Protein backbone atom coordinates (compact mmCIF):
# COMPACT_ATOMS: atom_id res chain seq x y z
CA MET A 1 0.13 -0.23 0.02
CA LYS A 2 1.56 3.35 -1.13
CA SER A 3 1.65 6.03 1.44
CA PRO A 4 -0.53 9.32 0.62
CA LEU A 5 2.42 11.00 0.80
CA GLN A 6 4.75 9.25 -1.66
CA SER A 7 5.22 12.34 -3.44
CA LEU A 8 7.10 13.73 -1.05
CA LEU A 9 8.37 10.45 -0.38
CA ASP A 10 9.67 10.08 -4.12
CA SER A 11 11.25 13.28 -3.50
CA ASN A 12 13.46 13.00 -0.42
CA ARG A 13 14.51 9.73 -2.62
CA ARG A 14 15.81 12.01 -5.32
CA TRP A 15 17.38 14.62 -3.14
CA SER A 16 19.44 12.18 -1.06
CA ALA A 17 21.00 10.71 -3.62
CA ALA A 18 21.21 13.93 -5.74
CA VAL A 19 23.15 15.77 -2.79
CA THR A 20 25.26 12.48 -1.76
CA ALA A 21 26.17 12.24 -6.07
CA GLN A 22 27.44 15.43 -5.06
CA ASP A 23 28.91 15.16 -1.53
CA PRO A 24 29.46 11.01 -0.66
CA HIS A 25 30.36 11.98 2.82
CA PHE A 26 27.43 14.71 3.25
CA PHE A 27 25.18 12.63 5.15
CA GLU A 28 28.17 10.91 7.15
CA GLN A 29 29.29 14.81 8.67
CA LEU A 30 26.13 15.85 8.73
CA ALA A 31 24.82 13.15 10.94
CA GLN A 32 27.61 13.30 13.69
CA GLN A 33 27.23 17.13 15.74
CA GLN A 34 25.24 20.45 14.67
CA SER A 35 27.08 23.70 15.04
CA PRO A 36 25.10 26.56 13.80
CA LYS A 37 26.50 29.86 13.95
CA TYR A 38 22.84 30.83 13.80
CA LEU A 39 19.49 30.80 15.70
CA TRP A 40 16.72 32.30 13.51
CA ILE A 41 13.48 33.26 14.36
CA GLY A 42 11.06 33.44 11.78
CA CYS A 43 7.65 33.18 10.41
CA SER A 44 5.32 29.62 10.28
CA ASP A 45 5.27 30.98 6.29
CA SER A 46 5.60 28.58 4.24
CA ARG A 47 7.05 30.80 2.07
CA VAL A 48 10.53 31.72 4.24
CA PRO A 49 12.80 29.01 4.45
CA ALA A 50 15.54 29.84 6.52
CA THR A 51 18.92 27.93 4.63
CA GLN A 52 17.27 28.21 1.45
CA ILE A 53 17.23 32.01 2.13
CA VAL A 54 20.70 32.93 3.15
CA ASP A 55 21.82 29.46 0.16
CA LEU A 56 23.52 27.58 3.31
CA PRO A 57 23.07 23.93 3.67
CA PRO A 58 21.09 22.30 6.70
CA GLY A 59 23.10 22.38 9.88
CA GLU A 60 24.10 25.66 9.05
CA ILE A 61 21.41 27.00 10.73
CA PHE A 62 19.15 26.87 14.32
CA VAL A 63 15.59 27.52 13.82
CA GLN A 64 12.87 28.30 15.48
CA ARG A 65 9.28 29.33 13.72
CA ASN A 66 5.72 30.83 14.96
CA VAL A 67 3.46 32.55 13.28
CA ALA A 68 4.26 36.11 12.81
CA ASN A 69 7.89 35.47 14.22
CA VAL A 70 6.33 36.50 17.67
CA VAL A 71 9.06 36.44 20.40
CA SER A 72 6.68 36.87 24.31
CA HIS A 73 8.61 36.14 27.65
CA THR A 74 6.18 33.08 28.69
CA ASP A 75 6.69 30.84 25.25
CA LEU A 76 8.36 27.96 26.75
CA ASN A 77 9.18 27.01 22.49
CA CYS A 78 11.36 30.45 21.81
CA LEU A 79 12.26 30.12 25.12
CA SER A 80 13.73 26.61 25.67
CA THR A 81 14.78 27.15 21.83
CA ILE A 82 17.33 30.10 22.79
CA GLN A 83 18.12 28.74 25.87
CA PHE A 84 18.99 25.34 23.68
CA ALA A 85 20.88 27.32 21.34
CA VAL A 86 22.64 29.92 23.49
CA ASP A 87 23.89 27.73 26.54
CA ALA A 88 24.49 24.27 24.72
CA LEU A 89 25.22 25.58 20.31
CA LYS A 90 26.92 28.76 21.09
CA VAL A 91 25.68 30.48 18.41
CA GLU A 92 26.96 33.44 17.56
CA HIS A 93 24.09 35.44 15.83
CA ILE A 94 19.80 35.26 16.92
CA ILE A 95 17.99 36.64 14.07
CA VAL A 96 15.03 37.61 14.56
CA VAL A 97 13.35 37.70 10.99
CA GLY A 98 9.43 39.65 10.12
CA HIS A 99 7.99 39.14 5.75
CA TYR A 100 6.44 41.80 4.58
CA GLY A 101 3.06 41.04 3.72
CA CYS A 102 2.50 38.48 6.48
CA GLY A 103 -0.59 37.71 7.15
CA GLY A 104 -0.67 37.48 10.81
CA VAL A 105 0.59 41.38 10.77
CA GLN A 106 -2.25 41.96 8.29
CA ALA A 107 -5.39 40.44 10.62
CA VAL A 108 -3.05 42.65 13.23
CA LEU A 109 -3.60 45.57 11.49
CA ASP A 110 -7.01 44.99 9.25
CA ASP A 111 -8.14 43.83 13.66
CA ARG A 112 -9.68 40.80 11.73
CA ARG A 113 -10.85 37.97 13.45
CA VAL A 114 -9.30 34.40 12.77
CA GLY A 115 -9.01 32.45 15.58
CA LEU A 116 -7.55 30.71 18.03
CA VAL A 117 -4.82 32.16 16.70
CA ASP A 118 -6.17 35.84 17.87
CA ASN A 119 -4.60 35.33 21.31
CA TRP A 120 -1.55 34.67 19.72
CA LEU A 121 -1.50 37.76 17.78
CA ARG A 122 -2.42 39.73 20.73
CA HIS A 123 1.81 40.50 21.03
CA VAL A 124 1.68 41.95 17.74
CA GLY A 125 -1.43 44.03 18.77
CA ASP A 126 0.94 45.48 21.72
CA VAL A 127 3.36 45.94 18.64
CA ALA A 128 1.09 48.44 16.84
CA ARG A 129 -0.65 49.78 19.84
CA LYS A 130 3.21 50.99 20.94
CA HIS A 131 4.03 52.74 17.79
CA GLY A 132 0.73 53.60 16.56
CA ASP A 133 1.34 57.61 15.70
CA LEU A 134 3.50 55.47 13.35
CA LEU A 135 1.43 53.62 11.92
CA ASN A 136 -1.64 55.84 11.77
CA SER A 137 0.80 58.30 9.30
CA LEU A 138 1.03 56.57 6.29
CA ASP A 139 -2.43 56.68 4.14
CA LEU A 140 -1.33 53.36 1.99
CA MET A 141 -1.89 49.65 3.93
CA ASP A 142 1.13 48.11 2.33
CA MET A 143 3.29 50.71 3.81
CA ARG A 144 1.48 49.38 7.30
CA ASN A 145 1.86 46.73 6.47
CA ALA A 146 5.99 47.04 5.93
CA ARG A 147 5.80 48.89 8.50
CA LEU A 148 4.39 46.42 11.26
CA CYS A 149 6.42 43.69 10.27
CA GLU A 150 9.67 45.56 10.76
CA LEU A 151 8.98 46.92 14.28
CA ASN A 152 7.25 43.71 15.43
CA ALA A 153 11.30 42.44 14.35
CA ILE A 154 12.60 44.94 15.75
CA GLU A 155 10.63 44.60 19.06
CA GLY A 156 11.33 40.81 18.77
CA VAL A 157 15.26 41.46 19.50
CA VAL A 158 14.70 43.36 22.51
CA ASN A 159 12.45 40.74 24.22
CA VAL A 160 15.32 38.55 22.68
CA CYS A 161 17.85 40.67 25.01
CA ASN A 162 15.83 40.30 27.46
CA THR A 163 16.10 36.71 28.29
CA THR A 164 17.56 35.48 31.01
CA MET A 165 19.13 33.20 28.33
CA VAL A 166 21.19 36.31 26.74
CA MET A 167 21.47 37.96 29.29
CA ASP A 168 23.76 34.98 31.58
CA ALA A 169 25.37 35.07 27.95
CA TRP A 170 26.77 38.42 27.55
CA GLU A 171 27.49 38.73 31.81
CA ARG A 172 29.85 35.25 31.40
CA GLY A 173 31.50 36.99 28.37
CA GLN A 174 29.92 34.77 25.75
CA LYS A 175 29.91 36.06 21.90
CA LEU A 176 26.56 36.76 20.97
CA SER A 177 24.83 39.12 18.98
CA VAL A 178 21.12 39.33 18.25
CA HIS A 179 19.67 41.26 14.36
CA ALA A 180 16.79 41.86 13.25
CA TRP A 181 16.13 41.76 9.00
CA CYS A 182 12.85 41.35 7.51
CA TYR A 183 12.72 39.75 4.26
CA SER A 184 10.64 40.65 1.00
CA LEU A 185 8.45 37.86 -0.81
CA ALA A 186 9.00 40.26 -3.82
CA ASN A 187 12.26 40.24 -5.32
CA GLY A 188 14.07 37.30 -2.41
CA HIS A 189 16.11 40.50 -0.47
CA ILE A 190 16.14 40.71 3.00
CA ASN A 191 16.14 43.80 4.81
CA ASP A 192 19.01 44.71 7.65
CA LEU A 193 16.52 46.94 10.22
CA GLY A 194 19.93 48.02 11.52
CA MET A 195 19.73 46.45 14.74
CA HIS A 196 23.11 44.99 15.95
CA VAL A 197 23.22 43.80 19.65
CA ASP A 198 25.91 42.13 21.26
CA ALA A 199 26.05 43.65 24.76
CA ARG A 200 23.19 44.50 27.22
CA ASP A 201 24.39 47.98 27.66
CA ALA A 202 24.49 48.12 23.52
CA LEU A 203 20.40 47.30 23.20
CA TRP A 204 18.50 50.96 23.95
CA PRO A 205 20.88 53.08 21.53
CA SER A 206 20.74 50.38 19.14
CA TYR A 207 16.74 50.25 19.09
CA GLU A 208 16.73 54.49 18.81
CA GLN A 209 18.73 54.07 15.81
CA ALA A 210 17.01 51.54 13.92
CA LEU A 211 13.55 53.34 15.48
CA GLN A 212 14.99 56.31 13.68
CA ARG A 213 16.05 54.85 10.56
CA ILE A 214 12.79 53.39 9.92
CA THR A 215 11.43 56.85 10.55
CA ARG A 216 13.14 58.69 7.84
CA LEU A 217 12.59 56.10 5.14
CA PRO A 218 10.20 57.81 3.16
CA GLU A 219 8.29 54.11 2.03
CA PRO A 220 9.20 50.87 3.57
CA HIS A 221 12.37 50.25 1.93
CA ARG A 222 11.39 46.38 0.97
CA GLY A 223 15.00 45.44 -1.22
């Protein structure tokens, strides 16, 4: 009896064969140990695959994804991922990655009920309220979406930096930086939001700089 997912299984075998043909020792080396330098906290959106859009092979990025790339201080899934990445894997970079046109962000802007996920998206709603003056100053909805996607990533970096795991890592002198990005589905480009934090006392200066950069842009930078 064939699996109802046979097409995926067949694709897996073709992919494995192609990778092995290119590098006969690839899976042998991959199975030994993972030692990624990066933790990617991104959206669950199927169009934003972490390793693919930065052209890295499997094993190079540790990944945590959820709807609208939220970083919440009460989310044990995300916190556990950060703890393992920082303490066990010793990643050097944590990247919070939003993407323009995010459906979760749009649901918040539309004040639209979606279902159970509405409770999760209240975190994004908090970001929208915090930066209400900036968002309300934009006439076009796609501009508001882009700005809120950027702001949500920036606020996510703040939340990452305020976790006990990251603060403890900096306290003991561990090399660790936290960054905010936003990805464009339109052209595949990543927009560096200019927030890079590598120490506790660097958080708020970097935050203010990132907000000033967003405010100065005449329209959301998508490339």
